[in-house]
């Protein structure tokens, strides 16, 4: 029996122990890694029924960080994220599927650069654990490969050798440590 959304416990990602990163080829021969520093999200989940989980995430595109200011500014420009026009990318799950070896597939809609497309994240659930402060935490690792052109991110330059400056495939890697939120006591003052 599937639990309704209203009955699912809320889990909030701990930003100090979570990350949203990406890797893309540069000049065909190397990889550039980056991350997004500002994002929010909620996971509605019964840790005993992961198939009922629902995930909502919003990422500030201007928070892109590859460790090189000039490159980050270019990524924020109209050539790529166009952060003035599209300040956030969002992901909203539509379903969770069980995959082999206990892993999960989180299916949802990613909206990036004004384009919404279905995306599948391969998810490894690391389990849950009580923390030293009396809370309950759960860990997840997720991965997806995206074609940036499908989201209207088509900027590139051709090389003399026939390759391109920026790869079309972007690998997304997410590490989440989420804390189960304790509901406010019934009848407690706000």
Foldseek 3Di string as FASTA:
>chain_A
DADDLVPFFKWWFDLVQKWKKKWWDFPNPDIFIKTANDKTKIWRDDLVCRFNIKIKMKTFLLRICRPDVVVSVVCCPPLHQVCVVPRIKMWIFDTWAQDPPRWIWTWTWIQGLNDIDIWIKTKDWPGWDQDPVRWIKTKMKIKTKDQRVNNVNDDWDADPVGHIRIHRIMMMIIITIIIGDDDDDPPDDD
